[in-house]
């Protein structure tokens, strides 16, 4: 959902804060998945 909003922002204008939010969310998503995997084991 958040990624969809960010993509909508990107289509309007690609700004530094938007890029930081996008990549920050991407990293947070990857870290969250990694933590979930380690918790399962």
PDB file of N, CA and C in Angstrom:
ATOM      1  N   UNK A   1       0.849  -1.203   0.000  1.00  0.00           N
ATOM      2  CA  UNK A   1       0.000   0.000   0.000  1.00  0.00           C
ATOM      3  C   UNK A   1       0.878   1.244   0.000  1.00  0.00           C
ATOM      4  N   UNK A   2       1.842   1.301   0.929  1.00  0.00           N
ATOM      5  CA  UNK A   2       2.733   2.464   1.005  1.00  0.00           C
ATOM      6  C   UNK A   2       3.555   2.592  -0.278  1.00  0.00           C
ATOM      7  N   UNK A   3       4.003   1.433  -0.789  1.00  0.00           N
ATOM      8  CA  UNK A   3       4.801   1.457  -2.022  1.00  0.00           C
ATOM      9  C   UNK A   3       3.979   2.037  -3.167  1.00  0.00           C
ATOM     10  N   UNK A   4       2.702   1.690  -3.201  1.00  0.00           N
ATOM     11  CA  UNK A   4       1.830   2.212  -4.260  1.00  0.00           C
ATOM     12  C   UNK A   4       1.735   3.726  -4.192  1.00  0.00           C
ATOM     13  N   UNK A   5       1.617   4.255  -2.978  1.00  0.00           N
ATOM     14  CA  UNK A   5       1.553   5.714  -2.800  1.00  0.00           C
ATOM     15  C   UNK A   5       2.863   6.354  -3.255  1.00  0.00           C
ATOM     16  N   UNK A   6       3.968   5.720  -2.899  1.00  0.00           N
ATOM     17  CA  UNK A   6       5.272   6.270  -3.280  1.00  0.00           C
ATOM     18  C   UNK A   6       5.428   6.271  -4.799  1.00  0.00           C
ATOM     19  N   UNK A   7       4.976   5.203  -5.443  1.00  0.00           N
ATOM     20  CA  UNK A   7       5.074   5.148  -6.908  1.00  0.00           C
ATOM     21  C   UNK A   7       4.227   6.259  -7.528  1.00  0.00           C
ATOM     22  N   UNK A   8       3.088   6.557  -6.917  1.00  0.00           N
ATOM     23  CA  UNK A   8       2.245   7.643  -7.413  1.00  0.00           C
ATOM     24  C   UNK A   8       2.986   8.963  -7.289  1.00  0.00           C
ATOM     25  N   UNK A   9       3.718   9.118  -6.193  1.00  0.00           N
ATOM     26  CA  UNK A   9       4.504  10.342  -5.995  1.00  0.00           C
ATOM     27  C   UNK A   9       5.619  10.411  -7.038  1.00  0.00           C
ATOM     28  N   UNK A  10       6.263   9.250  -7.287  1.00  0.00           N
ATOM     29  CA  UNK A  10       7.348   9.210  -8.257  1.00  0.00           C
ATOM     30  C   UNK A  10       6.862   9.628  -9.639  1.00  0.00           C
ATOM     31  N   UNK A  11       5.684   9.186 -10.026  1.00  0.00           N
ATOM     32  CA  UNK A  11       5.158   9.505 -11.354  1.00  0.00           C
ATOM     33  C   UNK A  11       4.948  11.010 -11.486  1.00  0.00           C
ATOM     34  N   UNK A  12       4.680  11.681 -10.332  1.00  0.00           N
ATOM     35  CA  UNK A  12       4.493  13.133 -10.366  1.00  0.00           C
ATOM     36  C   UNK A  12       5.845  13.834 -10.414  1.00  0.00           C
ATOM     37  N   UNK A  13       6.710  13.494  -9.467  1.00  0.00           N
ATOM     38  CA  UNK A  13       8.035  14.114  -9.460  1.00  0.00           C
ATOM     39  C   UNK A  13       8.963  13.271  -8.607  1.00  0.00           C
ATOM     40  N   UNK A  14      10.150  13.020  -9.124  1.00  0.00           N
ATOM     41  CA  UNK A  14      11.126  12.211  -8.395  1.00  0.00           C
ATOM     42  C   UNK A  14      12.025  13.147  -7.601  1.00  0.00           C
ATOM     43  N   UNK A  15      11.751  13.251  -6.295  1.00  0.00           N
ATOM     44  CA  UNK A  15      12.533  14.153  -5.455  1.00  0.00           C
ATOM     45  C   UNK A  15      13.413  13.363  -4.498  1.00  0.00           C
ATOM     46  N   UNK A  16      14.372  14.030  -3.889  1.00  0.00           N
ATOM     47  CA  UNK A  16      15.290  13.358  -2.954  1.00  0.00           C
ATOM     48  C   UNK A  16      14.528  12.767  -1.768  1.00  0.00           C
ATOM     49  N   UNK A  17      13.647  13.517  -1.113  1.00  0.00           N
ATOM     50  CA  UNK A  17      12.898  12.950   0.027  1.00  0.00           C
ATOM     51  C   UNK A  17      12.065  11.745  -0.389  1.00  0.00           C
ATOM     52  N   UNK A  18      11.473  11.791  -1.570  1.00  0.00           N
ATOM     53  CA  UNK A  18      10.673  10.664  -2.041  1.00  0.00           C
ATOM     54  C   UNK A  18      11.567   9.444  -2.250  1.00  0.00           C
ATOM     55  N   UNK A  19      12.754   9.670  -2.782  1.00  0.00           N
ATOM     56  CA  UNK A  19      13.683   8.565  -3.009  1.00  0.00           C
ATOM     57  C   UNK A  19      14.126   7.976  -1.674  1.00  0.00           C
ATOM     58  N   UNK A  20      14.390   8.842  -0.695  1.00  0.00           N
ATOM     59  CA  UNK A  20      14.810   8.366   0.628  1.00  0.00           C
ATOM     60  C   UNK A  20      13.700   7.537   1.264  1.00  0.00           C
ATOM     61  N   UNK A  21      12.460   8.003   1.141  1.00  0.00           N
ATOM     62  CA  UNK A  21      11.323   7.271   1.710  1.00  0.00           C
ATOM     63  C   UNK A  21      11.187   5.913   1.034  1.00  0.00           C
ATOM     64  N   UNK A  22      11.338   5.907  -0.299  1.00  0.00           N
ATOM     65  CA  UNK A  22      11.171   4.665  -1.044  1.00  0.00           C
ATOM     66  C   UNK A  22      12.227   3.632  -0.657  1.00  0.00           C
ATOM     67  N   UNK A  23      13.504   4.064  -0.718  1.00  0.00           N
ATOM     68  CA  UNK A  23      14.584   3.128  -0.403  1.00  0.00           C
ATOM     69  C   UNK A  23      14.581   2.762   1.078  1.00  0.00           C
ATOM     70  N   UNK A  24      14.199   3.725   1.934  1.00  0.00           N
ATOM     71  CA  UNK A  24      14.109   3.441   3.367  1.00  0.00           C
ATOM     72  C   UNK A  24      13.056   2.376   3.633  1.00  0.00           C
ATOM     73  N   UNK A  25      11.905   2.506   2.959  1.00  0.00           N
ATOM     74  CA  UNK A  25      10.842   1.516   3.118  1.00  0.00           C
ATOM     75  C   UNK A  25      11.268   0.175   2.550  1.00  0.00           C
ATOM     76  N   UNK A  26      12.015   0.216   1.453  1.00  0.00           N
ATOM     77  CA  UNK A  26      12.477  -1.026   0.832  1.00  0.00           C
ATOM     78  C   UNK A  26      13.406  -1.776   1.782  1.00  0.00           C
ATOM     79  N   UNK A  27      14.347  -1.040   2.375  1.00  0.00           N
ATOM     80  CA  UNK A  27      15.293  -1.650   3.324  1.00  0.00           C
ATOM     81  C   UNK A  27      14.540  -2.184   4.542  1.00  0.00           C
ATOM     82  N   UNK A  28      13.574  -1.393   5.040  1.00  0.00           N
ATOM     83  CA  UNK A  28      12.806  -1.823   6.212  1.00  0.00           C
ATOM     84  C   UNK A  28      12.033  -3.108   5.893  1.00  0.00           C
ATOM     85  N   UNK A  29      11.514  -3.203   4.670  1.00  0.00           N
ATOM     86  CA  UNK A  29      10.767  -4.395   4.264  1.00  0.00           C
ATOM     87  C   UNK A  29      11.691  -5.617   4.232  1.00  0.00           C
ATOM     88  N   UNK A  30      12.872  -5.455   3.638  1.00  0.00           N
ATOM     89  CA  UNK A  30      13.830  -6.559   3.555  1.00  0.00           C
ATOM     90  C   UNK A  30      14.266  -6.993   4.947  1.00  0.00           C
ATOM     91  N   UNK A  31      14.560  -6.015   5.817  1.00  0.00           N
ATOM     92  CA  UNK A  31      14.990  -6.325   7.185  1.00  0.00           C
ATOM     93  C   UNK A  31      13.870  -7.031   7.937  1.00  0.00           C
ATOM     94  N   UNK A  32      12.633  -6.569   7.732  1.00  0.00           N
ATOM     95  CA  UNK A  32      11.498  -7.196   8.400  1.00  0.00           C
ATOM     96  C   UNK A  32      11.336  -8.647   7.971  1.00  0.00           C
ATOM     97  N   UNK A  33      11.487  -8.917   6.681  1.00  0.00           N
ATOM     98  CA  UNK A  33      11.374 -10.286   6.180  1.00  0.00           C
ATOM     99  C   UNK A  33      12.506 -11.140   6.738  1.00  0.00           C
ATOM    100  N   UNK A  34      13.711 -10.578   6.802  1.00  0.00           N
ATOM    101  CA  UNK A  34      14.866 -11.316   7.319  1.00  0.00           C
ATOM    102  C   UNK A  34      14.647 -11.661   8.787  1.00  0.00           C
ATOM    103  N   UNK A  35      14.138 -10.713   9.564  1.00  0.00           N
ATOM    104  CA  UNK A  35      13.895 -10.964  10.973  1.00  0.00           C
ATOM    105  C   UNK A  35      12.803 -12.024  11.146  1.00  0.00           C
ATOM    106  N   UNK A  36      11.788 -11.975  10.289  1.00  0.00           N
ATOM    107  CA  UNK A  36      10.698 -12.944  10.376  1.00  0.00           C
ATOM    108  C   UNK A  36      11.224 -14.345  10.089  1.00  0.00           C
ATOM    109  N   UNK A  37      12.154 -14.446   9.135  1.00  0.00           N
ATOM    110  CA  UNK A  37      12.734 -15.746   8.796  1.00  0.00           C
ATOM    111  C   UNK A  37      13.555 -16.280   9.956  1.00  0.00           C
ATOM    112  N   UNK A  38      14.331 -15.406  10.596  1.00  0.00           N
ATOM    113  CA  UNK A  38      15.180 -15.860  11.702  1.00  0.00           C
ATOM    114  C   UNK A  38      14.312 -16.231  12.897  1.00  0.00           C
ATOM    115  N   UNK A  39      13.195 -15.559  13.095  1.00  0.00           N
ATOM    116  CA  UNK A  39      12.316 -15.873  14.218  1.00  0.00           C
ATOM    117  C   UNK A  39      11.651 -17.235  14.032  1.00  0.00           C
ATOM    118  N   UNK A  40      11.387 -17.597  12.778  1.00  0.00           N
ATOM    119  CA  UNK A  40      10.717 -18.871  12.510  1.00  0.00           C
ATOM    120  C   UNK A  40      11.625 -20.032  12.876  1.00  0.00           C
ATOM    121  N   UNK A  41      12.932 -19.857  12.658  1.00  0.00           N
ATOM    122  CA  UNK A  41      13.887 -20.926  12.937  1.00  0.00           C
ATOM    123  C   UNK A  41      14.368 -20.782  14.362  1.00  0.00           C
TER     124      UNK A  41
END
